[in-house]
Amino acid sequence: MAYSSIGPYQITRPLGQGGMGAVYEAISPDQGHRVAIKVLHARHTHSTEAVARFFNEARAVNLIGHEGLVKITEHGHLPDGSAYLVMEYLAGDNLAIHLHRQGRMSERDVLRVAGQLASVLAATHAAGIVHRDLKPDNIQLIERNGDFNYPVVLDFGVAKFLDAAERLTMTGALLGTPAYMSPEQFRGESNLGPPADVYA
C-alpha cells in the first residue's frame, strides 16, 4: 500500500521494500527535517509474532544506545492497523551497494569500518542482545565527523534478547540470511550467542 502521509509526516519517496515491510523518506511539515519511516506490510498486521519482532527493533536500539545504530524516535499503528517506526534519515548507501559501485575497499577503510562495527557489536552484546542478521545490506555508510564511510547498523527485527526465553521463534525456524549465518545459527541451535554476530 502506498502512503501520502503517516501521522504528521509527508511521504516524499519510497526508499526500499523487503519481505516484511517498506521504508519511506518523509518530511516533518512543522520542523522540515527528513526522517525514514518503516511500515510493516499489511499482510503481517494480524501476526502477533511479526508485530512483536517489528517493535523489538526499537526496544533493542534504545537499550544499546550506541551512535553506530540508527535512532528510532517513534513507533505506533496506522489507521489500517499497520505498525510503523520513525527513524533518523541516513543519507548514503548501504555497504552492499557501496561495494557493488566502488569495488573492493582499501585496507585502511576495511580496518576502520570493521573497528567501528566491532564497537557496535561490543555494545550490542554488552546489552544482552544478538543482532542475528548482520550483513552488508544492513550496514549504512554515512558521513559523520569527517568520516565518509562511517557504518551504522540497521534492522534489529530478528534480534535475540539473551535475558529472555525465545518466545518469538517457531521450533526449527531459521532467522537471518543464509550466506552470513554462523554454523550454529544455520543449525537452529537455541543457545545462539554473540559469536554468531562476529562470524557474520
N, C-alpha and C. Protein backbone atom coordinates (compact mmCIF):
# COMPACT_ATOMS: atom_id res chain seq x y z
N MET A 1 0.84 -1.19 0.00
CA MET A 1 0.00 0.00 0.00
C MET A 1 0.88 1.24 0.00
N ALA A 2 0.54 2.21 -0.85
CA ALA A 2 1.30 3.47 -0.91
C ALA A 2 0.68 4.47 0.06
N TYR A 3 1.52 5.23 0.72
CA TYR A 3 1.05 6.24 1.67
C TYR A 3 1.48 7.62 1.19
N SER A 4 0.60 8.62 1.38
CA SER A 4 0.97 10.00 1.09
C SER A 4 1.42 10.70 2.36
N SER A 5 0.95 10.18 3.50
CA SER A 5 1.36 10.74 4.80
C SER A 5 1.24 9.65 5.86
N ILE A 6 2.03 9.81 6.91
CA ILE A 6 1.98 8.93 8.08
C ILE A 6 2.05 9.83 9.29
N GLY A 7 0.95 9.92 10.03
CA GLY A 7 0.88 10.86 11.13
C GLY A 7 1.11 12.26 10.60
N PRO A 8 1.99 13.03 11.23
CA PRO A 8 2.26 14.40 10.76
C PRO A 8 3.28 14.45 9.62
N TYR A 9 3.82 13.31 9.22
CA TYR A 9 4.89 13.28 8.23
C TYR A 9 4.34 13.13 6.81
N GLN A 10 4.89 13.92 5.89
CA GLN A 10 4.53 13.83 4.49
C GLN A 10 5.53 12.93 3.76
N ILE A 11 5.04 11.88 3.13
CA ILE A 11 5.91 10.95 2.41
C ILE A 11 6.42 11.62 1.14
N THR A 12 7.73 11.55 0.93
CA THR A 12 8.32 12.14 -0.27
C THR A 12 8.72 11.09 -1.31
N ARG A 13 9.16 9.92 -0.85
CA ARG A 13 9.51 8.86 -1.81
C ARG A 13 9.75 7.56 -1.07
N PRO A 14 9.58 6.43 -1.79
CA PRO A 14 9.94 5.14 -1.19
C PRO A 14 11.45 4.96 -1.21
N LEU A 15 11.98 4.34 -0.18
CA LEU A 15 13.42 4.10 -0.10
C LEU A 15 13.77 2.63 -0.33
N GLY A 16 12.86 1.75 0.00
CA GLY A 16 13.16 0.33 -0.17
C GLY A 16 11.99 -0.53 0.22
N GLN A 17 12.06 -1.78 -0.19
CA GLN A 17 10.98 -2.73 0.05
C GLN A 17 11.59 -4.07 0.41
N GLY A 18 11.02 -4.72 1.39
CA GLY A 18 11.50 -6.04 1.78
C GLY A 18 10.35 -6.98 2.02
N GLY A 19 10.67 -8.18 2.46
CA GLY A 19 9.63 -9.17 2.69
C GLY A 19 8.69 -8.82 3.82
N MET A 20 9.21 -8.07 4.81
CA MET A 20 8.40 -7.73 5.98
C MET A 20 7.79 -6.34 5.92
N GLY A 21 8.42 -5.43 5.17
CA GLY A 21 7.89 -4.07 5.17
C GLY A 21 8.52 -3.19 4.12
N ALA A 22 8.13 -1.92 4.17
CA ALA A 22 8.65 -0.92 3.23
C ALA A 22 9.17 0.26 4.03
N VAL A 23 10.15 0.96 3.43
CA VAL A 23 10.74 2.14 4.08
C VAL A 23 10.53 3.34 3.18
N TYR A 24 10.10 4.46 3.78
CA TYR A 24 9.83 5.69 3.04
C TYR A 24 10.64 6.84 3.60
N GLU A 25 11.00 7.76 2.73
CA GLU A 25 11.54 9.03 3.18
C GLU A 25 10.36 9.96 3.43
N ALA A 26 10.41 10.74 4.49
CA ALA A 26 9.31 11.64 4.80
C ALA A 26 9.85 12.93 5.40
N ILE A 27 9.01 13.95 5.40
CA ILE A 27 9.38 15.25 5.96
C ILE A 27 8.37 15.64 7.02
N SER A 28 8.89 16.15 8.12
CA SER A 28 8.04 16.70 9.17
C SER A 28 7.65 18.11 8.76
N PRO A 29 6.36 18.38 8.49
CA PRO A 29 5.98 19.69 7.99
C PRO A 29 6.24 20.85 8.94
N ASP A 30 6.19 20.59 10.24
CA ASP A 30 6.39 21.69 11.19
C ASP A 30 7.86 22.05 11.36
N GLN A 31 8.74 21.03 11.33
CA GLN A 31 10.17 21.28 11.53
C GLN A 31 10.98 21.17 10.24
N GLY A 32 10.41 20.55 9.23
CA GLY A 32 11.08 20.44 7.94
C GLY A 32 12.23 19.47 7.88
N HIS A 33 12.41 18.62 8.91
CA HIS A 33 13.53 17.68 8.85
C HIS A 33 13.08 16.34 8.26
N ARG A 34 14.05 15.65 7.64
CA ARG A 34 13.77 14.38 6.99
C ARG A 34 13.86 13.23 7.99
N VAL A 35 13.00 12.26 7.80
CA VAL A 35 13.04 11.03 8.58
C VAL A 35 12.84 9.86 7.63
N ALA A 36 13.10 8.67 8.12
CA ALA A 36 12.78 7.44 7.40
C ALA A 36 11.71 6.73 8.21
N ILE A 37 10.69 6.24 7.54
CA ILE A 37 9.61 5.54 8.23
C ILE A 37 9.49 4.13 7.68
N LYS A 38 9.62 3.16 8.55
CA LYS A 38 9.46 1.76 8.17
C LYS A 38 8.05 1.32 8.53
N VAL A 39 7.36 0.72 7.57
CA VAL A 39 5.99 0.27 7.77
C VAL A 39 5.93 -1.23 7.54
N LEU A 40 5.37 -1.96 8.49
CA LEU A 40 5.19 -3.40 8.36
C LEU A 40 4.11 -3.66 7.33
N HIS A 41 4.35 -4.58 6.41
CA HIS A 41 3.36 -4.89 5.39
C HIS A 41 2.03 -5.28 6.03
N ALA A 42 0.93 -4.84 5.42
CA ALA A 42 -0.41 -5.07 5.97
C ALA A 42 -0.70 -6.54 6.19
N ARG A 43 -0.13 -7.41 5.35
CA ARG A 43 -0.43 -8.84 5.48
C ARG A 43 0.12 -9.43 6.78
N HIS A 44 1.02 -8.69 7.44
CA HIS A 44 1.59 -9.19 8.70
C HIS A 44 0.93 -8.59 9.94
N THR A 45 -0.03 -7.69 9.74
CA THR A 45 -0.58 -6.97 10.89
C THR A 45 -1.35 -7.86 11.86
N HIS A 46 -1.81 -9.01 11.39
CA HIS A 46 -2.57 -9.90 12.28
C HIS A 46 -1.68 -10.98 12.90
N SER A 47 -0.38 -10.90 12.61
CA SER A 47 0.56 -11.84 13.21
C SER A 47 1.18 -11.21 14.45
N THR A 48 0.82 -11.73 15.60
CA THR A 48 1.37 -11.21 16.85
C THR A 48 2.89 -11.30 16.85
N GLU A 49 3.42 -12.41 16.30
CA GLU A 49 4.87 -12.61 16.26
C GLU A 49 5.55 -11.57 15.38
N ALA A 50 4.98 -11.32 14.19
CA ALA A 50 5.58 -10.36 13.26
C ALA A 50 5.59 -8.95 13.85
N VAL A 51 4.48 -8.55 14.47
CA VAL A 51 4.39 -7.21 15.05
C VAL A 51 5.35 -7.08 16.23
N ALA A 52 5.45 -8.13 17.05
CA ALA A 52 6.36 -8.09 18.20
C ALA A 52 7.80 -7.96 17.74
N ARG A 53 8.18 -8.70 16.69
CA ARG A 53 9.54 -8.61 16.16
C ARG A 53 9.80 -7.22 15.60
N PHE A 54 8.80 -6.66 14.95
CA PHE A 54 8.94 -5.34 14.35
C PHE A 54 9.24 -4.30 15.43
N PHE A 55 8.47 -4.31 16.51
CA PHE A 55 8.68 -3.34 17.58
C PHE A 55 9.91 -3.66 18.43
N ASN A 56 10.38 -4.91 18.38
CA ASN A 56 11.61 -5.26 19.10
C ASN A 56 12.80 -4.45 18.59
N GLU A 57 12.72 -4.02 17.33
CA GLU A 57 13.82 -3.23 16.77
C GLU A 57 14.02 -1.95 17.58
N ALA A 58 12.91 -1.26 17.89
CA ALA A 58 13.01 -0.03 18.68
C ALA A 58 13.53 -0.33 20.08
N ARG A 59 13.05 -1.41 20.66
CA ARG A 59 13.48 -1.78 22.01
C ARG A 59 14.98 -2.05 22.03
N ALA A 60 15.47 -2.81 21.05
CA ALA A 60 16.89 -3.16 21.00
C ALA A 60 17.76 -1.93 20.85
N VAL A 61 17.42 -1.07 19.89
CA VAL A 61 18.23 0.13 19.62
C VAL A 61 18.29 1.02 20.85
N ASN A 62 17.16 1.19 21.53
CA ASN A 62 17.14 2.06 22.70
C ASN A 62 17.90 1.46 23.88
N LEU A 63 17.89 0.15 24.00
CA LEU A 63 18.65 -0.50 25.07
C LEU A 63 20.15 -0.36 24.85
N ILE A 64 20.59 -0.47 23.61
CA ILE A 64 22.02 -0.45 23.31
C ILE A 64 22.59 0.96 23.40
N GLY A 65 21.92 1.92 22.77
CA GLY A 65 22.32 3.32 22.87
C GLY A 65 23.71 3.62 22.35
N HIS A 66 24.03 3.19 21.14
CA HIS A 66 25.34 3.44 20.54
C HIS A 66 25.17 4.34 19.32
N GLU A 67 26.12 5.24 19.07
CA GLU A 67 26.00 6.15 17.94
C GLU A 67 26.07 5.44 16.60
N GLY A 68 26.52 4.20 16.61
CA GLY A 68 26.59 3.42 15.39
C GLY A 68 25.31 2.66 15.07
N LEU A 69 24.22 3.04 15.73
CA LEU A 69 22.91 2.45 15.44
C LEU A 69 21.96 3.54 14.97
N VAL A 70 21.06 3.20 14.05
CA VAL A 70 20.07 4.17 13.60
C VAL A 70 19.16 4.52 14.77
N LYS A 71 18.85 5.80 14.94
CA LYS A 71 17.99 6.24 16.04
C LYS A 71 16.52 6.07 15.66
N ILE A 72 15.74 5.50 16.56
CA ILE A 72 14.31 5.32 16.35
C ILE A 72 13.59 6.22 17.35
N THR A 73 12.79 7.14 16.85
CA THR A 73 12.19 8.16 17.71
C THR A 73 10.72 7.92 18.04
N GLU A 74 10.01 7.21 17.17
CA GLU A 74 8.58 6.98 17.41
C GLU A 74 8.18 5.62 16.86
N HIS A 75 7.09 5.10 17.39
CA HIS A 75 6.50 3.89 16.82
C HIS A 75 5.02 3.87 17.13
N GLY A 76 4.28 3.12 16.36
CA GLY A 76 2.84 3.05 16.60
C GLY A 76 2.14 2.28 15.50
N HIS A 77 0.81 2.49 15.41
CA HIS A 77 -0.01 1.82 14.41
C HIS A 77 -0.75 2.86 13.57
N LEU A 78 -0.87 2.58 12.28
CA LEU A 78 -1.62 3.43 11.36
C LEU A 78 -3.10 3.07 11.41
N PRO A 79 -3.97 3.92 10.86
CA PRO A 79 -5.41 3.62 10.88
C PRO A 79 -5.77 2.27 10.27
N ASP A 80 -4.96 1.78 9.29
CA ASP A 80 -5.28 0.48 8.69
C ASP A 80 -4.72 -0.68 9.51
N GLY A 81 -4.12 -0.37 10.66
CA GLY A 81 -3.59 -1.40 11.55
C GLY A 81 -2.12 -1.70 11.37
N SER A 82 -1.51 -1.16 10.31
CA SER A 82 -0.09 -1.43 10.05
C SER A 82 0.79 -0.77 11.12
N ALA A 83 1.82 -1.51 11.56
CA ALA A 83 2.77 -0.97 12.52
C ALA A 83 3.83 -0.16 11.79
N TYR A 84 4.36 0.86 12.48
CA TYR A 84 5.40 1.68 11.84
C TYR A 84 6.43 2.13 12.87
N LEU A 85 7.63 2.46 12.35
CA LEU A 85 8.72 3.02 13.14
C LEU A 85 9.21 4.28 12.44
N VAL A 86 9.44 5.35 13.20
CA VAL A 86 10.02 6.58 12.66
C VAL A 86 11.49 6.62 13.08
N MET A 87 12.37 6.73 12.09
CA MET A 87 13.82 6.67 12.35
C MET A 87 14.51 7.89 11.76
N GLU A 88 15.73 8.13 12.22
CA GLU A 88 16.52 9.19 11.60
C GLU A 88 16.79 8.81 10.14
N TYR A 89 16.83 9.81 9.28
CA TYR A 89 17.14 9.57 7.88
C TYR A 89 18.65 9.54 7.73
N LEU A 90 19.16 8.50 7.10
CA LEU A 90 20.60 8.36 6.90
C LEU A 90 20.93 8.46 5.41
N ALA A 91 21.56 9.54 5.03
CA ALA A 91 21.98 9.69 3.63
C ALA A 91 23.14 8.75 3.37
N GLY A 92 23.27 8.30 2.14
CA GLY A 92 24.37 7.42 1.78
C GLY A 92 23.86 6.09 1.26
N ASP A 93 24.79 5.17 1.04
CA ASP A 93 24.47 3.84 0.53
C ASP A 93 24.73 2.80 1.59
N ASN A 94 24.04 1.67 1.48
CA ASN A 94 24.42 0.58 2.36
C ASN A 94 25.71 -0.04 1.82
N LEU A 95 26.33 -0.86 2.64
CA LEU A 95 27.64 -1.41 2.30
C LEU A 95 27.58 -2.27 1.04
N ALA A 96 26.48 -2.99 0.85
CA ALA A 96 26.35 -3.84 -0.33
C ALA A 96 26.37 -3.01 -1.61
N ILE A 97 25.61 -1.92 -1.62
CA ILE A 97 25.57 -1.04 -2.79
C ILE A 97 26.92 -0.38 -3.00
N HIS A 98 27.55 0.07 -1.90
CA HIS A 98 28.86 0.72 -1.98
C HIS A 98 29.89 -0.21 -2.63
N LEU A 99 29.91 -1.46 -2.20
CA LEU A 99 30.87 -2.42 -2.75
C LEU A 99 30.57 -2.72 -4.21
N HIS A 100 29.29 -2.76 -4.56
CA HIS A 100 28.91 -3.02 -5.95
C HIS A 100 29.36 -1.87 -6.86
N ARG A 101 29.22 -0.64 -6.37
CA ARG A 101 29.56 0.53 -7.18
C ARG A 101 31.05 0.83 -7.19
N GLN A 102 31.68 0.74 -6.02
CA GLN A 102 33.06 1.17 -5.88
C GLN A 102 34.09 0.03 -5.96
N GLY A 103 33.61 -1.19 -5.80
CA GLY A 103 34.55 -2.31 -5.79
C GLY A 103 35.18 -2.48 -4.40
N ARG A 104 36.24 -3.22 -4.36
CA ARG A 104 36.89 -3.54 -3.09
C ARG A 104 37.34 -2.28 -2.37
N MET A 105 37.13 -2.26 -1.05
CA MET A 105 37.57 -1.13 -0.23
C MET A 105 39.07 -1.25 0.05
N SER A 106 39.68 -0.12 0.32
CA SER A 106 41.10 -0.14 0.67
C SER A 106 41.27 -0.81 2.03
N GLU A 107 42.48 -1.30 2.27
CA GLU A 107 42.75 -1.96 3.55
C GLU A 107 42.49 -1.00 4.71
N ARG A 108 42.86 0.25 4.52
CA ARG A 108 42.64 1.26 5.57
C ARG A 108 41.16 1.41 5.89
N ASP A 109 40.33 1.50 4.83
CA ASP A 109 38.88 1.65 5.04
C ASP A 109 38.28 0.40 5.68
N VAL A 110 38.75 -0.76 5.25
CA VAL A 110 38.24 -2.01 5.81
C VAL A 110 38.52 -2.06 7.31
N LEU A 111 39.74 -1.71 7.71
CA LEU A 111 40.10 -1.75 9.13
C LEU A 111 39.28 -0.74 9.93
N ARG A 112 39.06 0.45 9.37
CA ARG A 112 38.29 1.47 10.08
C ARG A 112 36.82 1.04 10.23
N VAL A 113 36.23 0.57 9.14
CA VAL A 113 34.83 0.14 9.19
C VAL A 113 34.66 -1.06 10.12
N ALA A 114 35.57 -2.04 10.01
CA ALA A 114 35.50 -3.22 10.86
C ALA A 114 35.65 -2.85 12.33
N GLY A 115 36.55 -1.91 12.62
CA GLY A 115 36.73 -1.48 14.00
C GLY A 115 35.49 -0.82 14.57
N GLN A 116 34.84 0.00 13.76
CA GLN A 116 33.62 0.67 14.22
C GLN A 116 32.48 -0.33 14.40
N LEU A 117 32.40 -1.30 13.49
CA LEU A 117 31.38 -2.34 13.64
C LEU A 117 31.63 -3.17 14.89
N ALA A 118 32.90 -3.43 15.18
CA ALA A 118 33.23 -4.19 16.39
C ALA A 118 32.77 -3.43 17.64
N SER A 119 32.88 -2.09 17.61
CA SER A 119 32.43 -1.28 18.73
C SER A 119 30.91 -1.39 18.90
N VAL A 120 30.18 -1.37 17.78
CA VAL A 120 28.72 -1.52 17.83
C VAL A 120 28.35 -2.89 18.39
N LEU A 121 29.02 -3.93 17.90
CA LEU A 121 28.71 -5.27 18.37
C LEU A 121 29.05 -5.45 19.85
N ALA A 122 30.15 -4.86 20.28
CA ALA A 122 30.51 -4.96 21.70
C ALA A 122 29.41 -4.35 22.57
N ALA A 123 28.89 -3.19 22.16
CA ALA A 123 27.81 -2.54 22.92
C ALA A 123 26.53 -3.36 22.84
N THR A 124 26.25 -3.93 21.67
CA THR A 124 25.06 -4.76 21.49
C THR A 124 25.10 -5.98 22.39
N HIS A 125 26.23 -6.65 22.40
CA HIS A 125 26.34 -7.86 23.21
C HIS A 125 26.39 -7.53 24.70
N ALA A 126 26.99 -6.39 25.06
CA ALA A 126 27.01 -5.98 26.47
C ALA A 126 25.59 -5.70 26.97
N ALA A 127 24.71 -5.31 26.05
CA ALA A 127 23.30 -5.06 26.41
C ALA A 127 22.48 -6.35 26.42
N GLY A 128 23.14 -7.48 26.14
CA GLY A 128 22.45 -8.77 26.15
C GLY A 128 21.62 -9.03 24.91
N ILE A 129 22.09 -8.54 23.76
CA ILE A 129 21.35 -8.68 22.52
C ILE A 129 22.26 -9.25 21.44
N VAL A 130 21.70 -10.14 20.62
CA VAL A 130 22.40 -10.66 19.44
C VAL A 130 21.62 -10.20 18.22
N HIS A 131 22.30 -9.56 17.26
CA HIS A 131 21.61 -9.00 16.09
C HIS A 131 21.00 -10.09 15.21
N ARG A 132 21.75 -11.10 14.88
CA ARG A 132 21.35 -12.27 14.10
C ARG A 132 21.15 -12.05 12.60
N ASP A 133 21.33 -10.83 12.11
CA ASP A 133 21.20 -10.63 10.66
C ASP A 133 22.18 -9.56 10.18
N LEU A 134 23.40 -9.61 10.67
CA LEU A 134 24.42 -8.65 10.26
C LEU A 134 24.92 -9.01 8.87
N LYS A 135 24.80 -8.08 7.93
CA LYS A 135 25.20 -8.30 6.54
C LYS A 135 25.37 -6.94 5.89
N PRO A 136 26.02 -6.87 4.71
CA PRO A 136 26.25 -5.57 4.06
C PRO A 136 24.98 -4.75 3.83
N ASP A 137 23.86 -5.41 3.53
CA ASP A 137 22.60 -4.68 3.31
C ASP A 137 22.11 -3.96 4.56
N ASN A 138 22.53 -4.43 5.73
CA ASN A 138 22.09 -3.85 7.00
C ASN A 138 23.13 -2.94 7.63
N ILE A 139 24.09 -2.48 6.81
CA ILE A 139 25.11 -1.54 7.29
C ILE A 139 25.09 -0.33 6.35
N GLN A 140 24.67 0.81 6.88
CA GLN A 140 24.60 2.03 6.09
C GLN A 140 25.88 2.84 6.29
N LEU A 141 26.50 3.26 5.20
CA LEU A 141 27.71 4.09 5.27
C LEU A 141 27.31 5.55 5.14
N ILE A 142 27.61 6.34 6.15
CA ILE A 142 27.22 7.75 6.16
C ILE A 142 28.44 8.63 6.43
N GLU A 143 28.24 9.93 6.31
CA GLU A 143 29.28 10.89 6.69
C GLU A 143 29.04 11.32 8.12
N ARG A 144 30.06 11.16 8.96
CA ARG A 144 29.94 11.59 10.36
C ARG A 144 31.31 12.00 10.86
N ASN A 145 31.39 13.19 11.38
CA ASN A 145 32.65 13.71 11.95
C ASN A 145 33.81 13.61 10.95
N GLY A 146 33.53 13.93 9.69
CA GLY A 146 34.57 13.92 8.68
C GLY A 146 34.88 12.55 8.09
N ASP A 147 34.25 11.50 8.62
CA ASP A 147 34.45 10.15 8.10
C ASP A 147 33.31 9.87 7.11
N PHE A 148 33.64 9.62 5.84
CA PHE A 148 32.61 9.41 4.82
C PHE A 148 32.22 7.94 4.67
N ASN A 149 32.81 7.08 5.46
CA ASN A 149 32.43 5.66 5.45
C ASN A 149 32.12 5.19 6.87
N TYR A 150 31.35 6.01 7.60
CA TYR A 150 31.01 5.63 8.97
C TYR A 150 29.85 4.64 8.93
N PRO A 151 30.02 3.42 9.47
CA PRO A 151 28.97 2.42 9.37
C PRO A 151 27.93 2.54 10.49
N VAL A 152 26.67 2.50 10.09
CA VAL A 152 25.57 2.49 11.05
C VAL A 152 24.79 1.19 10.83
N VAL A 153 24.59 0.44 11.90
CA VAL A 153 23.92 -0.86 11.80
C VAL A 153 22.41 -0.67 11.85
N LEU A 154 21.72 -1.34 10.92
CA LEU A 154 20.27 -1.25 10.80
C LEU A 154 19.61 -2.59 11.13
N ASP A 155 18.32 -2.57 11.25
CA ASP A 155 17.43 -3.74 11.24
C ASP A 155 17.71 -4.76 12.34
N PHE A 156 17.18 -4.48 13.51
CA PHE A 156 17.23 -5.42 14.62
C PHE A 156 15.93 -6.23 14.71
N GLY A 157 15.28 -6.42 13.58
CA GLY A 157 13.98 -7.09 13.55
C GLY A 157 14.00 -8.54 13.98
N VAL A 158 15.14 -9.22 13.85
CA VAL A 158 15.21 -10.62 14.31
C VAL A 158 16.20 -10.77 15.47
N ALA A 159 16.47 -9.66 16.15
CA ALA A 159 17.41 -9.70 17.28
C ALA A 159 16.93 -10.64 18.37
N LYS A 160 17.90 -11.22 19.07
CA LYS A 160 17.60 -12.11 20.18
C LYS A 160 18.02 -11.42 21.47
N PHE A 161 17.13 -11.39 22.46
CA PHE A 161 17.43 -10.84 23.77
C PHE A 161 17.86 -12.00 24.67
N LEU A 162 19.13 -11.98 25.07
CA LEU A 162 19.69 -13.12 25.78
C LEU A 162 19.10 -13.33 27.17
N ASP A 163 18.49 -12.29 27.75
CA ASP A 163 17.92 -12.43 29.09
C ASP A 163 16.48 -12.91 29.06
N ALA A 164 15.97 -13.23 27.87
CA ALA A 164 14.58 -13.68 27.77
C ALA A 164 14.52 -14.98 26.99
N ALA A 165 13.53 -15.79 27.31
CA ALA A 165 13.33 -17.03 26.55
C ALA A 165 12.92 -16.65 25.14
N GLU A 166 13.32 -17.44 24.18
CA GLU A 166 12.99 -17.17 22.77
C GLU A 166 11.53 -17.55 22.54
N ARG A 167 10.66 -16.57 22.67
CA ARG A 167 9.23 -16.84 22.54
C ARG A 167 8.70 -16.53 21.15
N LEU A 168 9.52 -15.91 20.31
CA LEU A 168 9.03 -15.47 19.01
C LEU A 168 9.50 -16.34 17.85
N THR A 169 10.13 -17.44 18.17
CA THR A 169 10.64 -18.30 17.10
C THR A 169 9.93 -19.65 17.14
N MET A 170 9.35 -20.02 16.02
CA MET A 170 8.75 -21.33 15.92
C MET A 170 9.86 -22.38 15.91
N THR A 171 9.58 -23.55 16.47
CA THR A 171 10.58 -24.60 16.52
C THR A 171 11.10 -24.91 15.12
N GLY A 172 12.42 -24.92 14.98
CA GLY A 172 13.03 -25.23 13.70
C GLY A 172 13.12 -24.07 12.74
N ALA A 173 12.60 -22.89 13.12
CA ALA A 173 12.62 -21.74 12.22
C ALA A 173 14.03 -21.16 12.15
N LEU A 174 14.46 -20.81 10.94
CA LEU A 174 15.76 -20.19 10.76
C LEU A 174 15.56 -18.70 10.53
N LEU A 175 16.24 -17.88 11.33
CA LEU A 175 16.15 -16.43 11.20
C LEU A 175 17.50 -15.90 10.80
N GLY A 176 17.50 -15.02 9.79
CA GLY A 176 18.75 -14.46 9.31
C GLY A 176 18.89 -14.66 7.82
N THR A 177 20.09 -14.40 7.31
CA THR A 177 20.39 -14.53 5.89
C THR A 177 21.41 -15.65 5.71
N PRO A 178 21.05 -16.73 5.00
CA PRO A 178 21.91 -17.92 4.94
C PRO A 178 23.38 -17.66 4.65
N ALA A 179 23.69 -16.75 3.72
CA ALA A 179 25.09 -16.52 3.35
C ALA A 179 25.93 -15.95 4.49
N TYR A 180 25.27 -15.39 5.51
CA TYR A 180 26.00 -14.76 6.62
C TYR A 180 25.76 -15.46 7.96
N MET A 181 25.10 -16.61 7.92
CA MET A 181 24.81 -17.33 9.15
C MET A 181 26.02 -18.13 9.63
N SER A 182 26.24 -18.13 10.92
CA SER A 182 27.25 -19.00 11.51
C SER A 182 26.73 -20.43 11.46
N PRO A 183 27.61 -21.43 11.55
CA PRO A 183 27.14 -22.82 11.52
C PRO A 183 26.09 -23.12 12.58
N GLU A 184 26.29 -22.59 13.81
CA GLU A 184 25.32 -22.88 14.87
C GLU A 184 23.97 -22.21 14.61
N GLN A 185 24.01 -21.03 13.95
CA GLN A 185 22.77 -20.35 13.60
C GLN A 185 22.04 -21.14 12.52
N PHE A 186 22.81 -21.64 11.55
CA PHE A 186 22.22 -22.41 10.45
C PHE A 186 21.60 -23.71 10.96
N ARG A 187 22.19 -24.25 12.02
CA ARG A 187 21.64 -25.49 12.61
C ARG A 187 20.43 -25.22 13.49
N GLY A 188 20.12 -23.93 13.72
CA GLY A 188 18.96 -23.58 14.54
C GLY A 188 19.16 -23.84 16.02
N GLU A 189 20.41 -23.79 16.49
CA GLU A 189 20.68 -24.06 17.89
C GLU A 189 20.06 -22.98 18.79
N SER A 190 19.52 -23.40 19.91
CA SER A 190 18.79 -22.48 20.79
C SER A 190 19.71 -21.60 21.63
N ASN A 191 20.97 -22.00 21.81
CA ASN A 191 21.89 -21.23 22.66
C ASN A 191 22.73 -20.25 21.85
N LEU A 192 22.17 -19.73 20.77
CA LEU A 192 22.89 -18.80 19.90
C LEU A 192 23.35 -17.58 20.70
N GLY A 193 24.61 -17.19 20.52
CA GLY A 193 25.14 -16.07 21.28
C GLY A 193 25.93 -15.10 20.42
N PRO A 194 26.66 -14.18 21.05
CA PRO A 194 27.45 -13.16 20.35
C PRO A 194 28.38 -13.68 19.25
N PRO A 195 29.01 -14.88 19.40
CA PRO A 195 29.89 -15.34 18.31
C PRO A 195 29.21 -15.41 16.95
N ALA A 196 27.90 -15.59 16.92
CA ALA A 196 27.20 -15.66 15.63
C ALA A 196 27.30 -14.34 14.90
N ASP A 197 27.21 -13.22 15.64
CA ASP A 197 27.34 -11.90 15.01
C ASP A 197 28.77 -11.65 14.54
N VAL A 198 29.74 -12.09 15.35
CA VAL A 198 31.15 -11.91 14.98
C VAL A 198 31.45 -12.69 13.71
N TYR A 199 30.90 -13.90 13.60
CA TYR A 199 31.09 -14.70 12.40
C TYR A 199 30.51 -13.96 11.18
N ALA A 200 29.31 -13.42 11.31
CA ALA A 200 28.68 -12.70 10.19
C ALA A 200 29.52 -11.54 9.74
